[in-house]
Amino acid sequence: MKKRGRGIGLSFYGTGYGNGFPDVSKAKIRLLEDGKVGIYVGSTEVGQGAKTVLTQIGAETLKLPVEEIVFIAEDTSLTPDAGTAAASRQTYNTGNAIRIACEKFVERLKELAKEQLNLNSVYGLKAEDGHIFLEIFPQKRISYKELSKIYKDSIIEVEGEFVAQTVMMDPETGQGAPYWPYTFNACGVELEVDTLTGQVEILKAVFAQDVGRAVNPHLVEGQMDGGFAMALGYILFEDLNIKEGKIYNDRFSRYLIPTAMDTLKVENIIVEDPESTAPYGAKGIGEPTMIPVGPAILNAIYDAIGVRVTELPVTPENLIKLIQEDNERKEEI
């Protein structure tokens, strides 16, 4: 017999290291020989799309096409420290560092342009599309490429730093502001439980994620799909099978993870509510996308069969055992 159930899960999650721990990102911006702009950061790309999003933040601040940006990361001989690719912090922390550095870089170029254009002030100068020009008299302009040739023997470079705001919690009272900002999400799942086999089939899923602002909506949806798939594996498949300190499921032939056949098309809803302290309002969502999915699945199983699952994974064998134990309790009553 198949029984259908629905469940929801909600979560909120703080950005960064938290609890007063120093959370610092630095970025370096340099004018290159061909007039392009180099962005140097120590952030690591682990598939989350950091290089793309951070390049976009830099391009937006510099008012340049992304093709004019040369993004350099993961080279400690060239890049300043941007902290770890962890704690869902790179978009927020390093994005802010890049924005700050790019703003300083534009001001530096305006000073150089003032000298080359024989102006008496930087006021009224504007940076756009690889040029510095006087807004009230646009013919008065100079390109980044021209500046790079004029100053070919100099390094035109600035550095920006961003330190996240975080307050250590009082060990006596538990009060404090350990994280900022927070991101919020919700997941709803509809599934079927086969009470004869213990098989769980996800039929439908809806996922709403607060992102502050979606710098790159496609990457946001990729994070949401990835978080859902990871949580699905955590809840229904993955078991290290540790006995007396030894891992027995130590290879993928025994340690099961979801395949394309086990996942489904999730209805993703991107919620945009820009965060004032974030670069263009964007929050990090790397870890939060996994959190509400598990509770949603477990609540849906409970809604379907009236049994609370307290151990993971919910394999067919384990679920059948729970159903049988529940039936025996009901017979005793």
Protein backbone atom coordinates (compact mmCIF):
# COMPACT_ATOMS: atom_id res chain seq x y z
CA MET A 1 0.00 0.00 0.00
CA LYS A 2 1.25 3.47 -0.90
CA LYS A 3 0.53 6.40 1.36
CA ARG A 4 1.05 10.01 0.40
CA GLY A 5 2.29 12.79 2.67
CA ARG A 6 3.36 16.40 2.60
CA GLY A 7 5.92 18.19 4.74
CA ILE A 8 7.68 21.51 5.04
CA GLY A 9 10.99 22.59 6.51
CA LEU A 10 12.14 26.11 7.40
CA SER A 11 15.56 27.43 8.32
CA PHE A 12 17.64 30.52 8.89
CA TYR A 13 21.40 30.59 8.66
CA GLY A 14 24.10 33.09 9.57
CA THR A 15 26.80 34.18 7.14
CA GLY A 16 30.49 33.86 7.94
CA TYR A 17 32.60 32.46 10.77
CA GLY A 18 30.54 34.10 13.48
CA ASN A 19 30.76 34.48 17.25
CA GLY A 20 33.30 37.30 17.17
CA PHE A 21 35.90 35.38 15.16
CA PRO A 22 37.84 37.73 12.83
CA ASP A 23 36.26 37.42 9.39
CA VAL A 24 38.39 39.38 6.93
CA SER A 25 38.58 39.43 3.14
CA LYS A 26 41.04 41.42 1.05
CA ALA A 27 41.11 42.15 -2.67
CA LYS A 28 43.64 43.81 -4.95
CA ILE A 29 42.78 45.67 -8.17
CA ARG A 30 45.44 46.46 -10.78
CA LEU A 31 45.51 48.25 -14.13
CA LEU A 32 47.01 45.85 -16.64
CA GLU A 33 49.17 46.63 -19.66
CA ASP A 34 46.37 46.28 -22.23
CA GLY A 35 43.97 48.50 -20.31
CA LYS A 36 42.10 45.59 -18.80
CA VAL A 37 41.61 45.41 -15.04
CA GLY A 38 42.96 42.59 -12.87
CA ILE A 39 41.10 41.47 -9.77
CA TYR A 40 43.29 39.50 -7.37
CA VAL A 41 41.71 37.60 -4.48
CA GLY A 42 42.61 34.49 -2.53
CA SER A 43 39.11 33.03 -2.77
CA THR A 44 38.91 29.40 -3.84
CA GLU A 45 36.51 28.12 -6.48
CA VAL A 46 35.07 24.76 -5.42
CA GLY A 47 32.21 24.66 -7.90
CA GLN A 48 30.00 27.22 -6.16
CA GLY A 49 30.47 29.83 -8.89
CA ALA A 50 32.57 32.24 -6.83
CA LYS A 51 34.78 33.29 -9.74
CA THR A 52 31.77 34.20 -11.85
CA VAL A 53 29.90 36.11 -9.14
CA LEU A 54 32.96 37.95 -7.85
CA THR A 55 33.90 38.95 -11.41
CA GLN A 56 30.37 40.27 -11.91
CA ILE A 57 30.56 42.32 -8.71
CA GLY A 58 33.85 43.82 -9.87
CA ALA A 59 32.50 44.54 -13.36
CA GLU A 60 29.41 46.23 -11.93
CA THR A 61 31.46 48.48 -9.66
CA LEU A 62 33.96 49.38 -12.39
CA LYS A 63 31.20 49.79 -15.01
CA LEU A 64 33.11 47.44 -17.29
CA PRO A 65 32.08 44.42 -19.38
CA VAL A 66 33.16 41.17 -17.71
CA GLU A 67 35.37 40.55 -20.76
CA GLU A 68 37.54 43.43 -19.62
CA ILE A 69 38.15 41.82 -16.22
CA VAL A 70 41.03 39.42 -15.59
CA PHE A 71 40.19 37.45 -12.44
CA ILE A 72 43.11 35.90 -10.57
CA ALA A 73 42.50 33.60 -7.60
CA GLU A 74 44.05 30.65 -5.77
CA ASP A 75 47.61 31.89 -6.25
CA THR A 76 49.11 32.88 -2.89
CA SER A 77 52.12 34.49 -4.57
CA LEU A 78 49.86 37.07 -6.23
CA THR A 79 46.67 37.35 -4.20
CA PRO A 80 45.80 38.77 -0.77
CA ASP A 81 44.01 36.58 1.74
CA ALA A 82 40.24 36.35 1.22
CA GLY A 83 39.56 33.75 3.89
CA THR A 84 38.23 30.27 3.33
CA ALA A 85 35.64 29.07 0.84
CA ALA A 86 33.46 28.13 3.79
CA ALA A 87 30.69 29.49 6.01
CA SER A 88 28.78 30.72 2.92
CA ARG A 89 30.91 33.87 3.11
CA GLN A 90 32.65 34.47 -0.22
CA THR A 91 29.87 36.36 -2.03
CA TYR A 92 29.23 38.56 1.01
CA ASN A 93 32.73 39.03 2.46
CA THR A 94 34.98 38.91 -0.58
CA GLY A 95 32.32 40.51 -2.75
CA ASN A 96 32.38 43.47 -0.37
CA ALA A 97 36.18 43.57 -0.42
CA ILE A 98 36.15 43.65 -4.22
CA ARG A 99 33.50 46.37 -4.30
CA ILE A 100 35.52 48.51 -1.85
CA ALA A 101 38.77 47.95 -3.78
CA CYS A 102 37.13 48.74 -7.12
CA GLU A 103 35.69 51.99 -5.75
CA LYS A 104 39.17 53.01 -4.53
CA PHE A 105 40.64 51.97 -7.88
CA VAL A 106 38.23 54.23 -9.80
CA GLU A 107 39.15 57.16 -7.54
CA ARG A 108 42.84 56.44 -8.22
CA LEU A 109 42.24 56.47 -11.98
CA LYS A 110 40.33 59.73 -11.69
CA GLU A 111 43.35 61.33 -10.04
CA LEU A 112 45.57 60.13 -12.89
CA ALA A 113 43.03 61.24 -15.49
CA LYS A 114 42.85 64.69 -13.91
CA GLU A 115 46.55 65.14 -14.46
CA GLN A 116 46.51 63.87 -18.04
CA LEU A 117 43.43 65.90 -19.00
CA ASN A 118 44.78 69.06 -17.37
CA LEU A 119 41.79 69.42 -15.09
CA ASN A 120 41.80 71.23 -11.77
CA SER A 121 39.61 68.71 -9.94
CA VAL A 122 38.34 65.14 -10.02
CA TYR A 123 34.80 66.33 -9.39
CA GLY A 124 32.53 65.63 -12.32
CA LEU A 125 34.74 62.83 -13.61
CA LYS A 126 32.95 59.59 -14.37
CA ALA A 127 34.21 56.06 -15.05
CA GLU A 128 32.38 53.96 -17.58
CA ASP A 129 33.14 51.39 -20.27
CA GLY A 130 36.90 51.66 -19.84
CA HIS A 131 37.09 55.45 -19.95
CA ILE A 132 37.38 58.32 -17.48
CA PHE A 133 35.55 61.39 -18.78
CA LEU A 134 34.17 64.72 -17.66
CA GLU A 135 30.41 64.32 -17.43
CA ILE A 136 29.67 67.96 -18.35
CA PHE A 137 32.09 67.82 -21.30
CA PRO A 138 32.37 64.15 -22.44
CA GLN A 139 34.94 64.98 -25.13
CA LYS A 140 37.39 65.43 -22.29
CA ARG A 141 38.21 61.76 -21.76
CA ILE A 142 40.97 59.20 -21.52
CA SER A 143 40.80 55.43 -21.77
CA TYR A 144 42.16 52.83 -19.38
CA LYS A 145 44.32 51.60 -22.25
CA GLU A 146 45.86 55.04 -22.72
CA LEU A 147 46.52 55.33 -19.00
CA SER A 148 48.17 51.90 -18.97
CA LYS A 149 50.56 53.02 -21.71
CA ILE A 150 51.35 56.34 -20.04
CA TYR A 151 52.05 54.64 -16.70
CA LYS A 152 53.61 51.48 -18.11
CA ASP A 153 56.58 51.83 -15.78
CA SER A 154 54.37 52.17 -12.69
CA ILE A 155 52.08 49.73 -10.92
CA ILE A 156 48.60 51.24 -10.68
CA GLU A 157 47.11 49.15 -7.90
CA VAL A 158 44.89 49.49 -4.83
CA GLU A 159 43.75 47.10 -2.11
CA GLY A 160 40.41 46.84 -0.37
CA GLU A 161 39.50 45.13 2.86
CA PHE A 162 36.19 44.11 4.39
CA VAL A 163 35.71 42.92 7.98
CA ALA A 164 32.38 41.32 8.79
CA GLN A 165 30.45 42.50 11.84
CA THR A 166 30.13 39.74 14.42
CA VAL A 167 29.77 39.87 18.20
CA MET A 168 30.87 37.08 20.51
CA MET A 169 28.06 35.59 22.56
CA ASP A 170 28.25 36.18 26.31
CA PRO A 171 29.15 32.80 27.87
CA GLU A 172 27.04 33.60 30.93
CA THR A 173 23.87 34.94 29.32
CA GLY A 174 24.08 33.49 25.81
CA GLN A 175 23.36 36.96 24.42
CA GLY A 176 25.13 38.47 21.42
CA ALA A 177 24.98 38.98 17.68
CA PRO A 178 27.14 36.11 16.41
CA TYR A 179 26.22 36.39 12.72
CA TRP A 180 25.18 38.92 10.15
CA PRO A 181 23.47 38.78 7.79
CA TYR A 182 21.09 35.85 8.06
CA THR A 183 19.49 34.11 5.11
CA PHE A 184 16.11 32.35 5.22
CA ASN A 185 14.50 29.56 3.23
CA ALA A 186 11.61 27.09 3.05
CA CYS A 187 11.15 23.73 1.39
CA GLY A 188 7.96 21.79 0.74
CA VAL A 189 7.88 18.14 -0.31
CA GLU A 190 5.16 15.73 -1.42
CA LEU A 191 6.05 12.05 -1.42
CA GLU A 192 4.74 8.49 -1.34
CA VAL A 193 5.74 5.76 1.10
CA ASP A 194 5.24 2.13 0.08
CA THR A 195 4.33 0.49 3.39
CA LEU A 196 5.13 -3.00 1.99
CA THR A 197 8.63 -2.23 0.73
CA GLY A 198 9.59 0.87 2.72
CA GLN A 199 10.44 2.68 -0.49
CA VAL A 200 10.13 6.49 -0.41
CA GLU A 201 9.45 8.34 -3.67
CA ILE A 202 9.62 12.13 -3.85
CA LEU A 203 6.82 13.31 -6.15
CA LYS A 204 7.09 17.08 -5.94
CA ALA A 205 9.32 19.67 -4.28
CA VAL A 206 9.13 23.43 -3.95
CA PHE A 207 12.08 25.42 -2.61
CA ALA A 208 12.11 29.15 -1.74
CA GLN A 209 15.46 30.76 -0.95
CA ASP A 210 16.19 34.28 0.28
CA VAL A 211 19.28 35.48 -1.60
CA GLY A 212 19.31 39.18 -0.79
CA ARG A 213 19.85 39.86 -4.47
CA ALA A 214 20.57 37.30 -7.15
CA VAL A 215 23.80 38.45 -8.79
CA ASN A 216 23.57 35.42 -11.06
CA PRO A 217 20.14 33.68 -10.94
CA HIS A 218 21.38 30.61 -12.83
CA LEU A 219 24.08 29.99 -10.22
CA VAL A 220 21.51 30.51 -7.44
CA GLU A 221 19.29 27.82 -8.94
CA GLY A 222 22.32 25.57 -9.31
CA GLN A 223 23.05 26.00 -5.59
CA MET A 224 19.42 25.23 -4.74
CA ASP A 225 19.35 22.11 -6.92
CA GLY A 226 22.68 20.98 -5.47
CA GLY A 227 21.57 21.57 -1.88
CA PHE A 228 18.37 19.63 -2.49
CA ALA A 229 20.24 16.68 -4.02
CA MET A 230 22.78 16.60 -1.17
CA ALA A 231 20.02 16.62 1.45
CA LEU A 232 18.11 13.93 -0.42
CA GLY A 233 21.18 11.70 -0.29
CA TYR A 234 21.79 12.49 3.39
CA ILE A 235 18.24 11.57 4.35
CA LEU A 236 17.47 8.56 2.14
CA PHE A 237 20.75 7.00 0.93
CA GLU A 238 24.05 7.82 2.56
CA ASP A 239 25.40 5.59 5.32
CA LEU A 240 29.09 5.28 6.23
CA ASN A 241 28.28 2.14 8.24
CA ILE A 242 30.86 2.71 10.97
CA LYS A 243 31.50 -0.17 13.36
CA GLU A 244 34.13 0.03 16.07
CA GLY A 245 35.78 2.96 14.28
CA LYS A 246 35.99 1.25 10.88
CA ILE A 247 34.13 2.62 7.84
CA TYR A 248 32.64 -0.30 5.91
CA ASN A 249 30.93 1.68 3.14
CA ASP A 250 34.25 3.11 1.97
CA ARG A 251 33.60 3.12 -1.78
CA PHE A 252 30.79 4.28 -4.04
CA SER A 253 29.74 0.72 -4.80
CA ARG A 254 28.56 0.55 -1.18
CA TYR A 255 28.19 4.20 -0.16
CA LEU A 256 25.10 5.21 -2.11
CA ILE A 257 24.47 8.75 -3.33
CA PRO A 258 21.57 10.02 -5.47
CA THR A 259 21.91 9.71 -9.22
CA ALA A 260 20.01 11.64 -11.89
CA MET A 261 17.34 8.90 -11.66
CA ASP A 262 16.74 9.65 -7.98
CA THR A 263 16.37 13.42 -8.25
CA LEU A 264 13.52 15.48 -9.67
CA LYS A 265 12.78 18.90 -11.09
CA VAL A 266 12.51 21.17 -8.06
CA GLU A 267 10.34 24.27 -8.33
CA ASN A 268 12.83 26.91 -7.23
CA ILE A 269 11.63 30.29 -5.98
CA ILE A 270 14.28 33.00 -5.64
CA VAL A 271 13.30 35.58 -3.01
CA GLU A 272 15.09 38.91 -3.36
CA ASP A 273 15.22 41.26 -0.39
CA PRO A 274 18.52 43.17 -0.73
CA GLU A 275 20.78 43.28 2.32
CA SER A 276 22.06 46.82 2.95
CA THR A 277 25.53 45.70 4.11
CA ALA A 278 26.06 43.28 1.21
CA PRO A 279 27.63 43.90 -2.20
CA TYR A 280 24.63 44.99 -4.31
CA GLY A 281 22.43 43.30 -1.71
CA ALA A 282 23.69 39.75 -2.30
CA LYS A 283 23.92 37.12 0.45
CA GLY A 284 25.77 33.81 0.43
CA ILE A 285 23.64 30.67 0.13
CA GLY A 286 26.16 27.82 -0.15
CA GLU A 287 25.27 25.85 2.99
CA PRO A 288 21.71 27.05 3.74
CA THR A 289 20.26 25.39 0.65
CA MET A 290 20.69 21.95 2.21
CA ILE A 291 19.21 22.63 5.64
CA PRO A 292 15.38 22.70 5.23
CA VAL A 293 15.15 19.81 2.78
CA GLY A 294 15.73 17.02 5.32
CA PRO A 295 13.08 18.21 7.78
CA ALA A 296 10.62 18.62 4.90
CA ILE A 297 11.17 15.01 3.80
CA LEU A 298 10.94 13.63 7.34
CA ASN A 299 7.79 15.64 8.06
CA ALA A 300 6.23 14.33 4.84
CA ILE A 301 7.04 10.74 5.85
CA TYR A 302 5.37 11.37 9.21
CA ASP A 303 2.35 12.88 7.47
CA ALA A 304 2.10 9.79 5.25
CA ILE A 305 2.46 6.99 7.81
CA GLY A 306 2.31 8.63 11.24
CA VAL A 307 5.78 7.42 12.23
CA ARG A 308 8.59 9.72 13.37
CA VAL A 309 12.02 8.88 11.95
CA THR A 310 14.83 9.61 14.43
CA GLU A 311 17.78 7.87 12.75
CA LEU A 312 19.27 8.36 9.31
CA PRO A 313 19.36 7.30 6.57
CA VAL A 314 15.72 6.36 5.99
CA THR A 315 16.49 3.22 4.01
CA PRO A 316 13.62 0.88 3.04
CA GLU A 317 14.87 -1.63 5.61
CA ASN A 318 14.92 0.90 8.41
CA LEU A 319 11.54 2.33 7.48
CA ILE A 320 9.88 -1.10 7.33
CA LYS A 321 11.30 -1.82 10.77
CA LEU A 322 9.82 1.42 12.14
CA ILE A 323 6.44 0.67 10.57
CA GLN A 324 6.42 -2.82 12.07
CA GLU A 325 7.39 -1.51 15.51
CA ASP A 326 4.63 1.09 15.29
CA ASN A 327 2.08 -1.56 14.33
CA GLU A 328 3.14 -3.75 17.27
CA ARG A 329 2.72 -0.82 19.68
CA LYS A 330 -0.75 -0.15 18.34
CA GLU A 331 -1.71 -3.85 18.76
CA GLU A 332 -0.52 -3.79 22.38
CA ILE A 333 -2.69 -0.76 23.06
